[in-house]
Amino acid sequence: QEVAFVPGDAFFPNGGVENALRLNYSNMPEERIR
């Protein structure tokens, strides 16, 4: 659907979290975020 995120499991040092994600919103125009 032409949208992406970073799977969040890489941000948990002990692992085990497969249902998290990280979104980039710091350098996107507001309309693209919507």
PDB file of all heavy atoms in Angstrom:
ATOM      1  N   GLN A   1       0.816  -1.216   0.000  1.00  0.00           N
ATOM      2  CA  GLN A   1       0.000   0.000   0.000  1.00  0.00           C
ATOM      3  C   GLN A   1       0.852   1.270   0.000  1.00  0.00           C
ATOM      4  O   GLN A   1       0.364   2.365   0.269  1.00  0.00           O
ATOM      5  CB  GLN A   1      -0.956  -0.020   1.195  1.00  0.00           C
ATOM      6  CG  GLN A   1      -1.946  -1.165   1.092  1.00  0.00           C
ATOM      7  CD  GLN A   1      -3.045  -1.081   2.118  1.00  0.00           C
ATOM      8  OE1 GLN A   1      -3.459   0.001   2.519  1.00  0.00           O
ATOM      9  NE2 GLN A   1      -3.538  -2.231   2.538  1.00  0.00           N
ATOM     10  N   GLU A   2       2.143   1.103  -0.262  1.00  0.00           N
ATOM     11  CA  GLU A   2       3.103   2.210  -0.397  1.00  0.00           C
ATOM     12  C   GLU A   2       3.232   3.074   0.852  1.00  0.00           C
ATOM     13  O   GLU A   2       3.248   4.300   0.796  1.00  0.00           O
ATOM     14  CB  GLU A   2       2.761   3.059  -1.614  1.00  0.00           C
ATOM     15  CG  GLU A   2       2.853   2.270  -2.907  1.00  0.00           C
ATOM     16  CD  GLU A   2       2.606   3.118  -4.133  1.00  0.00           C
ATOM     17  OE1 GLU A   2       2.419   4.344  -4.015  1.00  0.00           O
ATOM     18  OE2 GLU A   2       2.600   2.532  -5.232  1.00  0.00           O
ATOM     19  N   VAL A   3       3.335   2.398   1.985  1.00  0.00           N
ATOM     20  CA  VAL A   3       3.642   3.061   3.244  1.00  0.00           C
ATOM     21  C   VAL A   3       4.593   2.139   4.011  1.00  0.00           C
ATOM     22  O   VAL A   3       4.540   0.925   3.846  1.00  0.00           O
ATOM     23  CB  VAL A   3       2.362   3.378   4.063  1.00  0.00           C
ATOM     24  CG1 VAL A   3       1.678   2.132   4.542  1.00  0.00           C
ATOM     25  CG2 VAL A   3       2.663   4.314   5.207  1.00  0.00           C
ATOM     26  N   ALA A   4       5.484   2.725   4.799  1.00  0.00           N
ATOM     27  CA  ALA A   4       6.478   1.897   5.489  1.00  0.00           C
ATOM     28  C   ALA A   4       6.665   2.367   6.933  1.00  0.00           C
ATOM     29  O   ALA A   4       6.304   3.479   7.302  1.00  0.00           O
ATOM     30  CB  ALA A   4       7.805   1.955   4.753  1.00  0.00           C
ATOM     31  N   PHE A   5       7.235   1.497   7.724  1.00  0.00           N
ATOM     32  CA  PHE A   5       7.606   1.782   9.101  1.00  0.00           C
ATOM     33  C   PHE A   5       8.759   0.849   9.438  1.00  0.00           C
ATOM     34  O   PHE A   5       9.111  -0.031   8.657  1.00  0.00           O
ATOM     35  CB  PHE A   5       6.423   1.573  10.059  1.00  0.00           C
ATOM     36  CG  PHE A   5       5.886   0.176  10.076  1.00  0.00           C
ATOM     37  CD1 PHE A   5       6.488  -0.815  10.840  1.00  0.00           C
ATOM     38  CD2 PHE A   5       4.780  -0.160   9.312  1.00  0.00           C
ATOM     39  CE1 PHE A   5       5.998  -2.112  10.842  1.00  0.00           C
ATOM     40  CE2 PHE A   5       4.274  -1.445   9.317  1.00  0.00           C
ATOM     41  CZ  PHE A   5       4.894  -2.420  10.077  1.00  0.00           C
ATOM     42  N   VAL A   6       9.332   1.033  10.596  1.00  0.00           N
ATOM     43  CA  VAL A   6      10.390   0.141  11.068  1.00  0.00           C
ATOM     44  C   VAL A   6       9.773  -0.792  12.106  1.00  0.00           C
ATOM     45  O   VAL A   6       9.194  -0.317  13.083  1.00  0.00           O
ATOM     46  CB  VAL A   6      11.561   0.930  11.693  1.00  0.00           C
ATOM     47  CG1 VAL A   6      12.628  -0.012  12.216  1.00  0.00           C
ATOM     48  CG2 VAL A   6      12.145   1.913  10.696  1.00  0.00           C
ATOM     49  N   PRO A   7       9.848  -2.123  11.890  1.00  0.00           N
ATOM     50  CA  PRO A   7       9.351  -3.039  12.914  1.00  0.00           C
ATOM     51  C   PRO A   7      10.036  -2.745  14.249  1.00  0.00           C
ATOM     52  O   PRO A   7      11.251  -2.536  14.315  1.00  0.00           O
ATOM     53  CB  PRO A   7       9.724  -4.422  12.381  1.00  0.00           C
ATOM     54  CG  PRO A   7       9.749  -4.232  10.892  1.00  0.00           C
ATOM     55  CD  PRO A   7      10.321  -2.845  10.705  1.00  0.00           C
ATOM     56  N   GLY A   8       9.258  -2.695  15.309  1.00  0.00           N
ATOM     57  CA  GLY A   8       9.763  -2.258  16.600  1.00  0.00           C
ATOM     58  C   GLY A   8      10.590  -3.261  17.368  1.00  0.00           C
ATOM     59  O   GLY A   8      11.257  -2.898  18.329  1.00  0.00           O
ATOM     60  N   ASP A   9      10.590  -4.531  16.950  1.00  0.00           N
ATOM     61  CA  ASP A   9      11.309  -5.537  17.733  1.00  0.00           C
ATOM     62  C   ASP A   9      12.793  -5.225  17.868  1.00  0.00           C
ATOM     63  O   ASP A   9      13.403  -5.561  18.876  1.00  0.00           O
ATOM     64  CB  ASP A   9      11.085  -6.935  17.164  1.00  0.00           C
ATOM     65  CG  ASP A   9      11.468  -7.069  15.706  1.00  0.00           C
ATOM     66  OD1 ASP A   9      11.476  -6.058  14.982  1.00  0.00           O
ATOM     67  OD2 ASP A   9      11.733  -8.212  15.280  1.00  0.00           O
ATOM     68  N   ALA A  10      13.363  -4.540  16.892  1.00  0.00           N
ATOM     69  CA  ALA A  10      14.791  -4.202  16.951  1.00  0.00           C
ATOM     70  C   ALA A  10      15.105  -3.198  18.059  1.00  0.00           C
ATOM     71  O   ALA A  10      16.264  -3.047  18.455  1.00  0.00           O
ATOM     72  CB  ALA A  10      15.253  -3.637  15.614  1.00  0.00           C
ATOM     73  N   PHE A  11      14.108  -2.530  18.589  1.00  0.00           N
ATOM     74  CA  PHE A  11      14.316  -1.504  19.598  1.00  0.00           C
ATOM     75  C   PHE A  11      14.120  -2.016  21.021  1.00  0.00           C
ATOM     76  O   PHE A  11      14.160  -1.247  21.979  1.00  0.00           O
ATOM     77  CB  PHE A  11      13.390  -0.315  19.320  1.00  0.00           C
ATOM     78  CG  PHE A  11      13.674   0.310  17.988  1.00  0.00           C
ATOM     79  CD1 PHE A  11      12.936  -0.051  16.869  1.00  0.00           C
ATOM     80  CD2 PHE A  11      14.708   1.222  17.832  1.00  0.00           C
ATOM     81  CE1 PHE A  11      13.206   0.499  15.628  1.00  0.00           C
ATOM     82  CE2 PHE A  11      14.990   1.775  16.602  1.00  0.00           C
ATOM     83  CZ  PHE A  11      14.232   1.418  15.498  1.00  0.00           C
ATOM     84  N   PHE A  12      13.913  -3.306  21.167  1.00  0.00           N
ATOM     85  CA  PHE A  12      13.781  -3.925  22.482  1.00  0.00           C
ATOM     86  C   PHE A  12      15.001  -4.815  22.708  1.00  0.00           C
ATOM     87  O   PHE A  12      15.128  -5.862  22.065  1.00  0.00           O
ATOM     88  CB  PHE A  12      12.482  -4.756  22.566  1.00  0.00           C
ATOM     89  CG  PHE A  12      11.242  -3.919  22.579  1.00  0.00           C
ATOM     90  CD1 PHE A  12      10.659  -3.499  21.392  1.00  0.00           C
ATOM     91  CD2 PHE A  12      10.668  -3.533  23.785  1.00  0.00           C
ATOM     92  CE1 PHE A  12       9.519  -2.712  21.404  1.00  0.00           C
ATOM     93  CE2 PHE A  12       9.526  -2.749  23.799  1.00  0.00           C
ATOM     94  CZ  PHE A  12       8.954  -2.335  22.611  1.00  0.00           C
ATOM     95  N   PRO A  13      15.915  -4.423  23.567  1.00  0.00           N
ATOM     96  CA  PRO A  13      17.169  -5.159  23.719  1.00  0.00           C
ATOM     97  C   PRO A  13      17.001  -6.618  24.136  1.00  0.00           C
ATOM     98  O   PRO A  13      17.831  -7.452  23.810  1.00  0.00           O
ATOM     99  CB  PRO A  13      17.944  -4.376  24.788  1.00  0.00           C
ATOM    100  CG  PRO A  13      16.937  -3.533  25.476  1.00  0.00           C
ATOM    101  CD  PRO A  13      15.818  -3.302  24.491  1.00  0.00           C
ATOM    102  N   ASN A  14      15.926  -6.938  24.823  1.00  0.00           N
ATOM    103  CA  ASN A  14      15.712  -8.315  25.242  1.00  0.00           C
ATOM    104  C   ASN A  14      14.785  -9.073  24.293  1.00  0.00           C
ATOM    105  O   ASN A  14      14.425 -10.216  24.559  1.00  0.00           O
ATOM    106  CB  ASN A  14      15.140  -8.359  26.668  1.00  0.00           C
ATOM    107  CG  ASN A  14      16.130  -7.806  27.671  1.00  0.00           C
ATOM    108  OD1 ASN A  14      17.329  -7.966  27.511  1.00  0.00           O
ATOM    109  ND2 ASN A  14      15.630  -7.135  28.683  1.00  0.00           N
ATOM    110  N   GLY A  15      14.357  -8.421  23.208  1.00  0.00           N
ATOM    111  CA  GLY A  15      13.495  -9.068  22.216  1.00  0.00           C
ATOM    112  C   GLY A  15      12.130  -9.405  22.771  1.00  0.00           C
ATOM    113  O   GLY A  15      11.702  -8.886  23.797  1.00  0.00           O
ATOM    114  N   GLY A  16      11.444 -10.261  22.043  1.00  0.00           N
ATOM    115  CA  GLY A  16      10.165 -10.762  22.495  1.00  0.00           C
ATOM    116  C   GLY A  16       8.961  -9.875  22.218  1.00  0.00           C
ATOM    117  O   GLY A  16       7.850 -10.229  22.556  1.00  0.00           O
ATOM    118  N   VAL A  17       9.164  -8.715  21.604  1.00  0.00           N
ATOM    119  CA  VAL A  17       8.051  -7.821  21.302  1.00  0.00           C
ATOM    120  C   VAL A  17       7.893  -7.772  19.782  1.00  0.00           C
ATOM    121  O   VAL A  17       8.679  -7.150  19.094  1.00  0.00           O
ATOM    122  CB  VAL A  17       8.278  -6.403  21.871  1.00  0.00           C
ATOM    123  CG1 VAL A  17       7.117  -5.494  21.537  1.00  0.00           C
ATOM    124  CG2 VAL A  17       8.513  -6.459  23.358  1.00  0.00           C
ATOM    125  N   GLU A  18       6.883  -8.465  19.294  1.00  0.00           N
ATOM    126  CA  GLU A  18       6.697  -8.558  17.847  1.00  0.00           C
ATOM    127  C   GLU A  18       5.557  -7.690  17.342  1.00  0.00           C
ATOM    128  O   GLU A  18       5.313  -7.619  16.143  1.00  0.00           O
ATOM    129  CB  GLU A  18       6.445 -10.012  17.449  1.00  0.00           C
ATOM    130  CG  GLU A  18       7.621 -10.911  17.737  1.00  0.00           C
ATOM    131  CD  GLU A  18       7.372 -12.339  17.331  1.00  0.00           C
ATOM    132  OE1 GLU A  18       6.198 -12.751  17.235  1.00  0.00           O
ATOM    133  OE2 GLU A  18       8.357 -13.041  17.097  1.00  0.00           O
ATOM    134  N   ASN A  19       4.846  -7.008  18.224  1.00  0.00           N
ATOM    135  CA  ASN A  19       3.689  -6.226  17.807  1.00  0.00           C
ATOM    136  C   ASN A  19       3.895  -4.721  17.995  1.00  0.00           C
ATOM    137  O   ASN A  19       2.966  -3.983  18.264  1.00  0.00           O
ATOM    138  CB  ASN A  19       2.442  -6.689  18.568  1.00  0.00           C
ATOM    139  CG  ASN A  19       2.541  -6.417  20.052  1.00  0.00           C
ATOM    140  OD1 ASN A  19       3.616  -6.442  20.622  1.00  0.00           O
ATOM    141  ND2 ASN A  19       1.411  -6.168  20.684  1.00  0.00           N
ATOM    142  N   ALA A  20       5.125  -4.261  17.820  1.00  0.00           N
ATOM    143  CA  ALA A  20       5.438  -2.839  17.954  1.00  0.00           C
ATOM    144  C   ALA A  20       6.022  -2.319  16.642  1.00  0.00           C
ATOM    145  O   ALA A  20       6.578  -3.079  15.848  1.00  0.00           O
ATOM    146  CB  ALA A  20       6.440  -2.630  19.085  1.00  0.00           C
ATOM    147  N   LEU A  21       5.879  -1.017  16.441  1.00  0.00           N
ATOM    148  CA  LEU A  21       6.459  -0.410  15.247  1.00  0.00           C
ATOM    149  C   LEU A  21       6.899   1.005  15.559  1.00  0.00           C
ATOM    150  O   LEU A  21       6.487   1.587  16.554  1.00  0.00           O
ATOM    151  CB  LEU A  21       5.463  -0.437  14.084  1.00  0.00           C
ATOM    152  CG  LEU A  21       4.072   0.146  14.313  1.00  0.00           C
ATOM    153  CD1 LEU A  21       4.039   1.630  14.032  1.00  0.00           C
ATOM    154  CD2 LEU A  21       3.101  -0.569  13.399  1.00  0.00           C
ATOM    155  N   ARG A  22       7.766   1.550  14.698  1.00  0.00           N
ATOM    156  CA  ARG A  22       8.237   2.922  14.862  1.00  0.00           C
ATOM    157  C   ARG A  22       7.891   3.685  13.606  1.00  0.00           C
ATOM    158  O   ARG A  22       8.124   3.219  12.501  1.00  0.00           O
ATOM    159  CB  ARG A  22       9.739   2.945  15.107  1.00  0.00           C
ATOM    160  CG  ARG A  22      10.040   2.221  16.385  1.00  0.00           C
ATOM    161  CD  ARG A  22      11.243   2.554  17.120  1.00  0.00           C
ATOM    162  NE  ARG A  22      11.803   3.854  17.031  1.00  0.00           N
ATOM    163  CZ  ARG A  22      12.415   4.438  18.036  1.00  0.00           C
ATOM    164  NH1 ARG A  22      12.453   3.839  19.199  1.00  0.00           N
ATOM    165  NH2 ARG A  22      12.977   5.595  17.897  1.00  0.00           N
ATOM    166  N   LEU A  23       7.334   4.865  13.794  1.00  0.00           N
ATOM    167  CA  LEU A  23       6.924   5.710  12.680  1.00  0.00           C
ATOM    168  C   LEU A  23       7.830   6.928  12.586  1.00  0.00           C
ATOM    169  O   LEU A  23       8.213   7.500  13.603  1.00  0.00           O
ATOM    170  CB  LEU A  23       5.481   6.183  12.880  1.00  0.00           C
ATOM    171  CG  LEU A  23       4.416   5.103  13.015  1.00  0.00           C
ATOM    172  CD1 LEU A  23       3.081   5.737  13.363  1.00  0.00           C
ATOM    173  CD2 LEU A  23       4.314   4.306  11.731  1.00  0.00           C
ATOM    174  N   ASN A  24       8.129   7.346  11.366  1.00  0.00           N
ATOM    175  CA  ASN A  24       8.894   8.564  11.145  1.00  0.00           C
ATOM    176  C   ASN A  24       7.912   9.690  10.860  1.00  0.00           C
ATOM    177  O   ASN A  24       7.123   9.612   9.925  1.00  0.00           O
ATOM    178  CB  ASN A  24       9.834   8.379   9.956  1.00  0.00           C
ATOM    179  CG  ASN A  24      10.535   9.666   9.585  1.00  0.00           C
ATOM    180  OD1 ASN A  24      10.512  10.639  10.318  1.00  0.00           O
ATOM    181  ND2 ASN A  24      11.150   9.673   8.421  1.00  0.00           N
ATOM    182  N   TYR A  25       7.958  10.713  11.662  1.00  0.00           N
ATOM    183  CA  TYR A  25       7.102  11.867  11.414  1.00  0.00           C
ATOM    184  C   TYR A  25       7.877  13.170  11.535  1.00  0.00           C
ATOM    185  O   TYR A  25       7.326  14.242  11.347  1.00  0.00           O
ATOM    186  CB  TYR A  25       5.901  11.875  12.378  1.00  0.00           C
ATOM    187  CG  TYR A  25       6.293  11.817  13.827  1.00  0.00           C
ATOM    188  CD1 TYR A  25       6.594  12.975  14.527  1.00  0.00           C
ATOM    189  CD2 TYR A  25       6.387  10.602  14.488  1.00  0.00           C
ATOM    190  CE1 TYR A  25       6.975  12.922  15.858  1.00  0.00           C
ATOM    191  CE2 TYR A  25       6.750  10.541  15.815  1.00  0.00           C
ATOM    192  CZ  TYR A  25       7.043  11.705  16.498  1.00  0.00           C
ATOM    193  OH  TYR A  25       7.420  11.639  17.800  1.00  0.00           O
ATOM    194  N   SER A  26       9.169  13.091  11.793  1.00  0.00           N
ATOM    195  CA  SER A  26       9.947  14.306  12.045  1.00  0.00           C
ATOM    196  C   SER A  26      10.330  15.068  10.778  1.00  0.00           C
ATOM    197  O   SER A  26      10.575  16.265  10.844  1.00  0.00           O
ATOM    198  CB  SER A  26      11.212  13.962  12.837  1.00  0.00           C
ATOM    199  OG  SER A  26      12.036  13.104  12.081  1.00  0.00           O
ATOM    200  N   ASN A  27      10.365  14.389   9.643  1.00  0.00           N
ATOM    201  CA  ASN A  27      10.773  15.113   8.433  1.00  0.00           C
ATOM    202  C   ASN A  27       9.785  14.937   7.283  1.00  0.00           C
ATOM    203  O   ASN A  27      10.146  15.068   6.127  1.00  0.00           O
ATOM    204  CB  ASN A  27      12.182  14.701   8.004  1.00  0.00           C
ATOM    205  CG  ASN A  27      12.243  13.268   7.514  1.00  0.00           C
ATOM    206  OD1 ASN A  27      11.284  12.522   7.612  1.00  0.00           O
ATOM    207  ND2 ASN A  27      13.376  12.883   6.969  1.00  0.00           N
ATOM    208  N   MET A  28       8.548  14.660   7.622  1.00  0.00           N
ATOM    209  CA  MET A  28       7.518  14.493   6.602  1.00  0.00           C
ATOM    210  C   MET A  28       6.536  15.662   6.673  1.00  0.00           C
ATOM    211  O   MET A  28       6.162  16.086   7.763  1.00  0.00           O
ATOM    212  CB  MET A  28       6.727  13.197   6.827  1.00  0.00           C
ATOM    213  CG  MET A  28       7.464  11.951   6.478  1.00  0.00           C
ATOM    214  SD  MET A  28       7.531  11.820   4.694  1.00  0.00           S
ATOM    215  CE  MET A  28       9.099  11.016   4.524  1.00  0.00           C
ATOM    216  N   PRO A  29       6.095  16.138   5.522  1.00  0.00           N
ATOM    217  CA  PRO A  29       5.044  17.161   5.535  1.00  0.00           C
ATOM    218  C   PRO A  29       3.757  16.581   6.130  1.00  0.00           C
ATOM    219  O   PRO A  29       3.491  15.379   6.013  1.00  0.00           O
ATOM    220  CB  PRO A  29       4.836  17.498   4.056  1.00  0.00           C
ATOM    221  CG  PRO A  29       6.016  16.951   3.338  1.00  0.00           C
ATOM    222  CD  PRO A  29       6.564  15.847   4.181  1.00  0.00           C
ATOM    223  N   GLU A  30       2.972  17.425   6.743  1.00  0.00           N
ATOM    224  CA  GLU A  30       1.771  16.979   7.442  1.00  0.00           C
ATOM    225  C   GLU A  30       0.827  16.188   6.534  1.00  0.00           C
ATOM    226  O   GLU A  30       0.250  15.180   6.951  1.00  0.00           O
ATOM    227  CB  GLU A  30       1.050  18.193   8.034  1.00  0.00           C
ATOM    228  CG  GLU A  30       0.021  17.836   9.052  1.00  0.00           C
ATOM    229  CD  GLU A  30      -0.517  19.053   9.765  1.00  0.00           C
ATOM    230  OE1 GLU A  30       0.280  19.944  10.131  1.00  0.00           O
ATOM    231  OE2 GLU A  30      -1.737  19.109   9.951  1.00  0.00           O
ATOM    232  N   GLU A  31       0.656  16.601   5.307  1.00  0.00           N
ATOM    233  CA  GLU A  31      -0.256  15.893   4.401  1.00  0.00           C
ATOM    234  C   GLU A  31       0.244  14.475   4.115  1.00  0.00           C
ATOM    235  O   GLU A  31      -0.546  13.535   4.042  1.00  0.00           O
ATOM    236  CB  GLU A  31      -0.459  16.661   3.095  1.00  0.00           C
ATOM    237  CG  GLU A  31      -1.445  16.007   2.151  1.00  0.00           C
ATOM    238  CD  GLU A  31      -2.810  15.702   2.786  1.00  0.00           C
ATOM    239  OE1 GLU A  31      -3.276  16.452   3.667  1.00  0.00           O
ATOM    240  OE2 GLU A  31      -3.421  14.686   2.396  1.00  0.00           O
ATOM    241  N   ARG A  32       1.536  14.294   3.962  1.00  0.00           N
ATOM    242  CA  ARG A  32       2.083  12.943   3.732  1.00  0.00           C
ATOM    243  C   ARG A  32       1.887  12.069   4.960  1.00  0.00           C
ATOM    244  O   ARG A  32       1.673  10.861   4.843  1.00  0.00           O
ATOM    245  CB  ARG A  32       3.554  13.011   3.345  1.00  0.00           C
ATOM    246  CG  ARG A  32       3.707  13.535   1.920  1.00  0.00           C
ATOM    247  CD  ARG A  32       5.040  13.285   1.336  1.00  0.00           C
ATOM    248  NE  ARG A  32       5.257  11.855   1.147  1.00  0.00           N
ATOM    249  CZ  ARG A  32       6.429  11.322   0.853  1.00  0.00           C
ATOM    250  NH1 ARG A  32       7.486  12.090   0.691  1.00  0.00           N
ATOM    251  NH2 ARG A  32       6.566  10.039   0.705  1.00  0.00           N
ATOM    252  N   ILE A  33       1.962  12.665   6.133  1.00  0.00           N
ATOM    253  CA  ILE A  33       1.706  11.906   7.360  1.00  0.00           C
ATOM    254  C   ILE A  33       0.258  11.427   7.375  1.00  0.00           C
ATOM    255  O   ILE A  33      -0.017  10.262   7.669  1.00  0.00           O
ATOM    256  CB  ILE A  33       2.025  12.750   8.611  1.00  0.00           C
ATOM    257  CG1 ILE A  33       3.536  13.014   8.690  1.00  0.00           C
ATOM    258  CG2 ILE A  33       1.519  12.065   9.882  1.00  0.00           C
ATOM    259  CD1 ILE A  33       3.940  14.020   9.759  1.00  0.00           C
ATOM    260  N   ARG A  34      -0.667  12.308   7.022  1.00  0.00           N
ATOM    261  CA  ARG A  34      -2.087  11.923   6.986  1.00  0.00           C
ATOM    262  C   ARG A  34      -2.323  10.766   6.015  1.00  0.00           C
ATOM    263  O   ARG A  34      -3.020   9.801   6.337  1.00  0.00           O
ATOM    264  CB  ARG A  34      -2.946  13.116   6.568  1.00  0.00           C
ATOM    265  CG  ARG A  34      -3.187  14.107   7.653  1.00  0.00           C
ATOM    266  CD  ARG A  34      -4.272  15.108   7.233  1.00  0.00           C
ATOM    267  NE  ARG A  34      -4.391  16.132   8.224  1.00  0.00           N
ATOM    268  CZ  ARG A  34      -3.834  17.337   8.137  1.00  0.00           C
ATOM    269  NH1 ARG A  34      -3.145  17.680   7.070  1.00  0.00           N
ATOM    270  NH2 ARG A  34      -3.983  18.202   9.106  1.00  0.00           N
TER     271      ARG A  34
END
